[in-house]
Amino acid sequence: MIAKLKGILDSAGPDWLVIDVAGVGYLVFASGRTLSGLPAIGETLSLIIETHVREDRIHLYGFATTVERDMYRLLTTVSGIGAKVALAILSAHDPQSLANAIVAGDKAAVARAQGVGPRLAQRVVTELKDKVTGFAMVTTGPDGTASANDGAAPVAIGALSDAVSALVNLGYARVDAHGAVLRAASSINGDPALKDLVKAGLKELGR
């Protein structure tokens, strides 16, 4: 099972690239986001690889970061989403913004990806809203490692959801409430209590 490839970029297309590793060319499929960050042909690159093995073929899928790879794995657990659609979603959204949309219940944002209709977008939101712990609160550094926004520790998705629900019950739009809670959580040190998230979220919405 191939987990990582490091070599020379031989060629690239709309949804693929070929990495030359010691004279062997590996065809790797990737999201538009990963492909947009490729070096020039002939230069060295390294990709995290997800290997799919079937009776009739072996496909390699490449990711610039472990965060993108992990979100890809989550997406492919949703019924109706295969590798191609998962890559299309990751081409339209970085892992953090996608997680934010899922937690906020923003199926319209998810549906912006090619090949994703309203029903499938709703399925993504429904099946993954409790599984994106950490994604909504992390950013990816240039070395591919994940760190919390503004140095804050990731907040449990349950606390975020409860705070968002509290603000929605007060009359705020879910998307606005979610954004406010995320900004609030990033400004609070440690693991904030629900009341602190709601109070800070209200302050954000009042700006």
C-alpha atoms as a PDB file:
ATOM      1  CA  MET A   1       0.000   0.000   0.000  1.00  0.00           C
ATOM      2  CA  ILE A   2       1.477   3.340  -1.077  1.00  0.00           C
ATOM      3  CA  ALA A   3       1.096   6.094   1.551  1.00  0.00           C
ATOM      4  CA  LYS A   4       3.470   8.776   0.232  1.00  0.00           C
ATOM      5  CA  LEU A   5       5.339   9.609  -2.946  1.00  0.00           C
ATOM      6  CA  LYS A   6       8.299  11.944  -3.378  1.00  0.00           C
ATOM      7  CA  GLY A   7       9.815  12.519  -6.774  1.00  0.00           C
ATOM      8  CA  ILE A   8       9.890  14.715  -9.872  1.00  0.00           C
ATOM      9  CA  LEU A   9       6.756  16.180 -11.432  1.00  0.00           C
ATOM     10  CA  ASP A  10       6.666  14.619 -14.902  1.00  0.00           C
ATOM     11  CA  SER A  11       3.348  15.958 -16.213  1.00  0.00           C
ATOM     12  CA  ALA A  12      -0.092  17.106 -15.063  1.00  0.00           C
ATOM     13  CA  GLY A  13      -3.648  17.487 -16.331  1.00  0.00           C
ATOM     14  CA  PRO A  14      -7.046  18.779 -15.153  1.00  0.00           C
ATOM     15  CA  ASP A  15      -7.425  16.147 -12.422  1.00  0.00           C
ATOM     16  CA  TRP A  16      -4.176  14.164 -12.473  1.00  0.00           C
ATOM     17  CA  LEU A  17      -0.404  14.284 -12.363  1.00  0.00           C
ATOM     18  CA  VAL A  18       2.477  11.902 -12.929  1.00  0.00           C
ATOM     19  CA  ILE A  19       5.276  11.685 -10.375  1.00  0.00           C
ATOM     20  CA  ASP A  20       8.586  10.193 -11.529  1.00  0.00           C
ATOM     21  CA  VAL A  21      10.080   8.248  -8.624  1.00  0.00           C
ATOM     22  CA  ALA A  22      13.462   6.762  -9.544  1.00  0.00           C
ATOM     23  CA  GLY A  23      12.397   6.308 -13.154  1.00  0.00           C
ATOM     24  CA  VAL A  24       8.930   4.923 -12.387  1.00  0.00           C
ATOM     25  CA  GLY A  25       5.978   7.162 -13.283  1.00  0.00           C
ATOM     26  CA  TYR A  26       3.029   7.067 -10.883  1.00  0.00           C
ATOM     27  CA  LEU A  27      -0.325   8.377 -12.123  1.00  0.00           C
ATOM     28  CA  VAL A  28      -2.010  10.220  -9.242  1.00  0.00           C
ATOM     29  CA  PHE A  29      -5.468  11.811  -9.188  1.00  0.00           C
ATOM     30  CA  ALA A  30      -5.862  14.970  -7.114  1.00  0.00           C
ATOM     31  CA  SER A  31      -8.170  17.858  -6.287  1.00  0.00           C
ATOM     32  CA  GLY A  32      -7.920  21.141  -8.133  1.00  0.00           C
ATOM     33  CA  ARG A  33      -6.659  22.701  -4.910  1.00  0.00           C
ATOM     34  CA  THR A  34      -3.711  20.302  -4.680  1.00  0.00           C
ATOM     35  CA  LEU A  35      -2.989  20.600  -8.404  1.00  0.00           C
ATOM     36  CA  SER A  36      -2.947  24.402  -8.187  1.00  0.00           C
ATOM     37  CA  GLY A  37      -0.061  24.180  -5.723  1.00  0.00           C
ATOM     38  CA  LEU A  38       2.167  21.957  -7.846  1.00  0.00           C
ATOM     39  CA  PRO A  39       5.706  23.070  -8.679  1.00  0.00           C
ATOM     40  CA  ALA A  40       6.953  23.441 -12.256  1.00  0.00           C
ATOM     41  CA  ILE A  41       7.464  20.367 -14.422  1.00  0.00           C
ATOM     42  CA  GLY A  42      10.809  18.804 -13.567  1.00  0.00           C
ATOM     43  CA  GLU A  43      10.841  20.011  -9.971  1.00  0.00           C
ATOM     44  CA  THR A  44      10.575  17.890  -6.820  1.00  0.00           C
ATOM     45  CA  LEU A  45       7.319  17.387  -4.973  1.00  0.00           C
ATOM     46  CA  SER A  46       5.904  15.175  -2.239  1.00  0.00           C
ATOM     47  CA  LEU A  47       2.287  14.047  -1.868  1.00  0.00           C
ATOM     48  CA  ILE A  48       0.369  12.063   0.715  1.00  0.00           C
ATOM     49  CA  ILE A  49      -1.242   9.129  -1.072  1.00  0.00           C
ATOM     50  CA  GLU A  50      -4.472   7.229  -0.600  1.00  0.00           C
ATOM     51  CA  THR A  51      -4.377   3.895  -2.452  1.00  0.00           C
ATOM     52  CA  HIS A  52      -7.573   2.297  -3.761  1.00  0.00           C
ATOM     53  CA  VAL A  53      -7.222  -1.334  -4.826  1.00  0.00           C
ATOM     54  CA  ARG A  54      -9.844  -3.165  -6.863  1.00  0.00           C
ATOM     55  CA  GLU A  55      -9.809  -6.409  -8.795  1.00  0.00           C
ATOM     56  CA  ASP A  56      -9.300  -4.648 -12.124  1.00  0.00           C
ATOM     57  CA  ARG A  57      -7.228  -1.603 -11.161  1.00  0.00           C
ATOM     58  CA  ILE A  58      -5.209   0.347  -8.620  1.00  0.00           C
ATOM     59  CA  HIS A  59      -5.827   4.088  -8.305  1.00  0.00           C
ATOM     60  CA  LEU A  60      -3.682   6.563  -6.389  1.00  0.00           C
ATOM     61  CA  TYR A  61      -5.130   9.787  -4.961  1.00  0.00           C
ATOM     62  CA  GLY A  62      -2.748  12.525  -3.868  1.00  0.00           C
ATOM     63  CA  PHE A  63      -3.088  15.261  -1.262  1.00  0.00           C
ATOM     64  CA  ALA A  64      -0.898  18.189  -0.340  1.00  0.00           C
ATOM     65  CA  THR A  65      -1.733  17.864   3.378  1.00  0.00           C
ATOM     66  CA  THR A  66      -2.909  15.239   5.848  1.00  0.00           C
ATOM     67  CA  VAL A  67      -5.888  17.495   6.636  1.00  0.00           C
ATOM     68  CA  GLU A  68      -7.112  17.282   3.036  1.00  0.00           C
ATOM     69  CA  ARG A  69      -6.504  13.517   2.991  1.00  0.00           C
ATOM     70  CA  ASP A  70      -8.460  13.058   6.215  1.00  0.00           C
ATOM     71  CA  MET A  71     -11.394  15.098   4.907  1.00  0.00           C
ATOM     72  CA  TYR A  72     -11.337  13.010   1.724  1.00  0.00           C
ATOM     73  CA  ARG A  73     -11.616   9.865   3.835  1.00  0.00           C
ATOM     74  CA  LEU A  74     -14.603  11.306   5.682  1.00  0.00           C
ATOM     75  CA  LEU A  75     -16.346  12.353   2.483  1.00  0.00           C
ATOM     76  CA  THR A  76     -16.033   8.892   0.956  1.00  0.00           C
ATOM     77  CA  THR A  77     -17.888   7.391   3.929  1.00  0.00           C
ATOM     78  CA  VAL A  78     -21.034   9.194   2.760  1.00  0.00           C
ATOM     79  CA  SER A  79     -23.358   7.081   0.644  1.00  0.00           C
ATOM     80  CA  GLY A  80     -23.207   8.229  -2.972  1.00  0.00           C
ATOM     81  CA  ILE A  81     -19.782   9.861  -2.750  1.00  0.00           C
ATOM     82  CA  GLY A  82     -16.935   8.131  -4.501  1.00  0.00           C
ATOM     83  CA  ALA A  83     -13.384   9.290  -5.094  1.00  0.00           C
ATOM     84  CA  LYS A  84     -14.263  11.544  -8.061  1.00  0.00           C
ATOM     85  CA  VAL A  85     -17.012  13.451  -6.238  1.00  0.00           C
ATOM     86  CA  ALA A  86     -14.913  13.736  -3.066  1.00  0.00           C
ATOM     87  CA  LEU A  87     -12.113  15.344  -5.078  1.00  0.00           C
ATOM     88  CA  ALA A  88     -14.631  17.693  -6.732  1.00  0.00           C
ATOM     89  CA  ILE A  89     -15.827  18.821  -3.301  1.00  0.00           C
ATOM     90  CA  LEU A  90     -12.241  19.363  -2.148  1.00  0.00           C
ATOM     91  CA  SER A  91     -11.597  21.343  -5.333  1.00  0.00           C
ATOM     92  CA  ALA A  92     -14.432  23.691  -4.392  1.00  0.00           C
ATOM     93  CA  HIS A  93     -13.672  23.951  -0.663  1.00  0.00           C
ATOM     94  CA  ASP A  94     -10.620  23.721   1.551  1.00  0.00           C
ATOM     95  CA  PRO A  95     -11.153  21.316   4.494  1.00  0.00           C
ATOM     96  CA  GLN A  96     -11.742  24.092   7.018  1.00  0.00           C
ATOM     97  CA  SER A  97     -14.385  25.980   5.010  1.00  0.00           C
ATOM     98  CA  LEU A  98     -16.082  22.697   4.133  1.00  0.00           C
ATOM     99  CA  ALA A  99     -16.216  21.689   7.788  1.00  0.00           C
ATOM    100  CA  ASN A 100     -17.608  25.103   8.678  1.00  0.00           C
ATOM    101  CA  ALA A 101     -20.351  24.698   6.060  1.00  0.00           C
ATOM    102  CA  ILE A 102     -21.200  21.203   7.308  1.00  0.00           C
ATOM    103  CA  VAL A 103     -21.448  22.277  10.952  1.00  0.00           C
ATOM    104  CA  ALA A 104     -23.515  25.302   9.942  1.00  0.00           C
ATOM    105  CA  GLY A 105     -25.869  23.068   7.960  1.00  0.00           C
ATOM    106  CA  ASP A 106     -25.120  25.096   4.830  1.00  0.00           C
ATOM    107  CA  LYS A 107     -25.988  22.514   2.174  1.00  0.00           C
ATOM    108  CA  ALA A 108     -26.030  25.216  -0.518  1.00  0.00           C
ATOM    109  CA  ALA A 109     -22.307  25.762   0.004  1.00  0.00           C
ATOM    110  CA  VAL A 110     -21.600  22.032  -0.240  1.00  0.00           C
ATOM    111  CA  ALA A 111     -23.682  21.838  -3.427  1.00  0.00           C
ATOM    112  CA  ARG A 112     -21.397  24.329  -5.180  1.00  0.00           C
ATOM    113  CA  ALA A 113     -19.046  21.457  -5.991  1.00  0.00           C
ATOM    114  CA  GLN A 114     -19.403  19.910  -9.428  1.00  0.00           C
ATOM    115  CA  GLY A 115     -21.552  16.780  -9.400  1.00  0.00           C
ATOM    116  CA  VAL A 116     -23.141  17.519  -6.015  1.00  0.00           C
ATOM    117  CA  GLY A 117     -26.887  18.128  -6.042  1.00  0.00           C
ATOM    118  CA  PRO A 118     -29.113  19.331  -3.175  1.00  0.00           C
ATOM    119  CA  ARG A 119     -29.953  15.810  -1.963  1.00  0.00           C
ATOM    120  CA  LEU A 120     -26.339  14.680  -1.862  1.00  0.00           C
ATOM    121  CA  ALA A 121     -25.303  17.935  -0.195  1.00  0.00           C
ATOM    122  CA  GLN A 122     -27.953  17.376   2.478  1.00  0.00           C
ATOM    123  CA  ARG A 123     -26.631  13.856   3.002  1.00  0.00           C
ATOM    124  CA  VAL A 124     -23.105  15.206   3.488  1.00  0.00           C
ATOM    125  CA  VAL A 125     -24.326  17.693   6.096  1.00  0.00           C
ATOM    126  CA  THR A 126     -26.474  15.124   7.896  1.00  0.00           C
ATOM    127  CA  GLU A 127     -23.928  12.305   7.985  1.00  0.00           C
ATOM    128  CA  LEU A 128     -20.800  14.346   8.725  1.00  0.00           C
ATOM    129  CA  LYS A 129     -21.952  17.125  11.060  1.00  0.00           C
ATOM    130  CA  ASP A 130     -20.871  15.103  14.108  1.00  0.00           C
ATOM    131  CA  LYS A 131     -17.699  13.751  12.487  1.00  0.00           C
ATOM    132  CA  VAL A 132     -15.785  16.883  11.537  1.00  0.00           C
ATOM    133  CA  THR A 133     -14.406  17.510  15.042  1.00  0.00           C
ATOM    134  CA  GLY A 134     -11.262  19.576  14.736  1.00  0.00           C
ATOM    135  CA  PHE A 135     -11.598  20.401  11.025  1.00  0.00           C
ATOM    136  CA  ALA A 136     -13.726  23.484  11.656  1.00  0.00           C
ATOM    137  CA  MET A 137     -11.112  24.898  13.998  1.00  0.00           C
ATOM    138  CA  VAL A 138      -7.845  24.035  12.230  1.00  0.00           C
ATOM    139  CA  THR A 139      -5.749  25.671   9.586  1.00  0.00           C
ATOM    140  CA  THR A 140      -2.926  24.106   7.641  1.00  0.00           C
ATOM    141  CA  GLY A 141       0.550  25.522   7.724  1.00  0.00           C
ATOM    142  CA  PRO A 142       3.023  25.512   4.828  1.00  0.00           C
ATOM    143  CA  ASP A 143       4.587  22.306   6.146  1.00  0.00           C
ATOM    144  CA  GLY A 144       1.252  20.497   5.964  1.00  0.00           C
ATOM    145  CA  THR A 145       0.693  20.266   9.707  1.00  0.00           C
ATOM    146  CA  ALA A 146      -2.579  21.249  11.334  1.00  0.00           C
ATOM    147  CA  SER A 147      -2.841  23.876  14.032  1.00  0.00           C
ATOM    148  CA  ALA A 148      -5.713  25.609  15.753  1.00  0.00           C
ATOM    149  CA  ASN A 149      -6.913  28.996  14.520  1.00  0.00           C
ATOM    150  CA  ASP A 150      -5.142  31.860  16.261  1.00  0.00           C
ATOM    151  CA  GLY A 151      -3.445  29.398  18.609  1.00  0.00           C
ATOM    152  CA  ALA A 152      -6.695  28.259  20.206  1.00  0.00           C
ATOM    153  CA  ALA A 153      -7.301  24.605  20.926  1.00  0.00           C
ATOM    154  CA  PRO A 154      -9.963  22.837  18.827  1.00  0.00           C
ATOM    155  CA  VAL A 155     -13.362  22.998  20.489  1.00  0.00           C
ATOM    156  CA  ALA A 156     -15.602  19.940  20.720  1.00  0.00           C
ATOM    157  CA  ILE A 157     -18.146  19.969  17.924  1.00  0.00           C
ATOM    158  CA  GLY A 158     -20.926  19.466  20.480  1.00  0.00           C
ATOM    159  CA  ALA A 159     -20.079  22.729  22.218  1.00  0.00           C
ATOM    160  CA  LEU A 160     -19.973  24.571  18.909  1.00  0.00           C
ATOM    161  CA  SER A 161     -23.306  23.111  17.809  1.00  0.00           C
ATOM    162  CA  ASP A 162     -24.987  23.933  21.118  1.00  0.00           C
ATOM    163  CA  ALA A 163     -23.735  27.513  21.002  1.00  0.00           C
ATOM    164  CA  VAL A 164     -24.886  27.909  17.393  1.00  0.00           C
ATOM    165  CA  SER A 165     -28.316  26.489  18.284  1.00  0.00           C
ATOM    166  CA  ALA A 166     -28.609  28.934  21.187  1.00  0.00           C
ATOM    167  CA  LEU A 167     -27.918  31.880  18.887  1.00  0.00           C
ATOM    168  CA  VAL A 168     -30.336  30.554  16.253  1.00  0.00           C
ATOM    169  CA  ASN A 169     -33.014  30.337  18.948  1.00  0.00           C
ATOM    170  CA  LEU A 170     -32.370  34.005  19.648  1.00  0.00           C
ATOM    171  CA  GLY A 171     -33.258  34.814  16.039  1.00  0.00           C
ATOM    172  CA  TYR A 172     -29.893  34.842  14.245  1.00  0.00           C
ATOM    173  CA  ALA A 173     -29.342  33.065  10.911  1.00  0.00           C
ATOM    174  CA  ARG A 174     -27.554  29.732  11.319  1.00  0.00           C
ATOM    175  CA  VAL A 175     -24.675  30.642   8.999  1.00  0.00           C
ATOM    176  CA  ASP A 176     -24.123  33.968  10.814  1.00  0.00           C
ATOM    177  CA  ALA A 177     -24.365  32.270  14.205  1.00  0.00           C
ATOM    178  CA  HIS A 178     -21.871  29.593  13.215  1.00  0.00           C
ATOM    179  CA  GLY A 179     -19.334  32.121  11.958  1.00  0.00           C
ATOM    180  CA  ALA A 180     -19.683  34.147  15.138  1.00  0.00           C
ATOM    181  CA  VAL A 181     -19.204  31.091  17.352  1.00  0.00           C
ATOM    182  CA  LEU A 182     -16.081  30.031  15.453  1.00  0.00           C
ATOM    183  CA  ARG A 183     -14.579  33.510  15.778  1.00  0.00           C
ATOM    184  CA  ALA A 184     -15.505  33.538  19.445  1.00  0.00           C
ATOM    185  CA  ALA A 185     -13.971  30.122  20.084  1.00  0.00           C
ATOM    186  CA  SER A 186     -10.698  31.157  18.467  1.00  0.00           C
ATOM    187  CA  SER A 187     -10.441  34.131  20.835  1.00  0.00           C
ATOM    188  CA  ILE A 188     -10.986  32.143  24.041  1.00  0.00           C
ATOM    189  CA  ASN A 189      -8.091  30.348  25.696  1.00  0.00           C
ATOM    190  CA  GLY A 190      -8.577  26.724  26.695  1.00  0.00           C
ATOM    191  CA  ASP A 191     -11.816  24.763  26.321  1.00  0.00           C
ATOM    192  CA  PRO A 192     -14.625  27.355  26.649  1.00  0.00           C
ATOM    193  CA  ALA A 193     -17.901  26.639  28.424  1.00  0.00           C
ATOM    194  CA  LEU A 194     -21.143  26.885  26.458  1.00  0.00           C
ATOM    195  CA  LYS A 195     -22.197  30.112  28.188  1.00  0.00           C
ATOM    196  CA  ASP A 196     -18.834  31.694  27.309  1.00  0.00           C
ATOM    197  CA  LEU A 197     -19.215  30.716  23.652  1.00  0.00           C
ATOM    198  CA  VAL A 198     -22.736  32.139  23.508  1.00  0.00           C
ATOM    199  CA  LYS A 199     -21.719  35.376  25.243  1.00  0.00           C
ATOM    200  CA  ALA A 200     -18.689  35.847  22.980  1.00  0.00           C
ATOM    201  CA  GLY A 201     -20.771  34.889  19.945  1.00  0.00           C
ATOM    202  CA  LEU A 202     -23.324  37.582  20.771  1.00  0.00           C
ATOM    203  CA  LYS A 203     -20.510  40.082  21.057  1.00  0.00           C
ATOM    204  CA  GLU A 204     -19.248  39.058  17.602  1.00  0.00           C
ATOM    205  CA  LEU A 205     -22.725  39.439  16.108  1.00  0.00           C
ATOM    206  CA  GLY A 206     -23.071  42.868  17.671  1.00  0.00           C
ATOM    207  CA  ARG A 207     -20.017  44.285  15.938  1.00  0.00           C
END
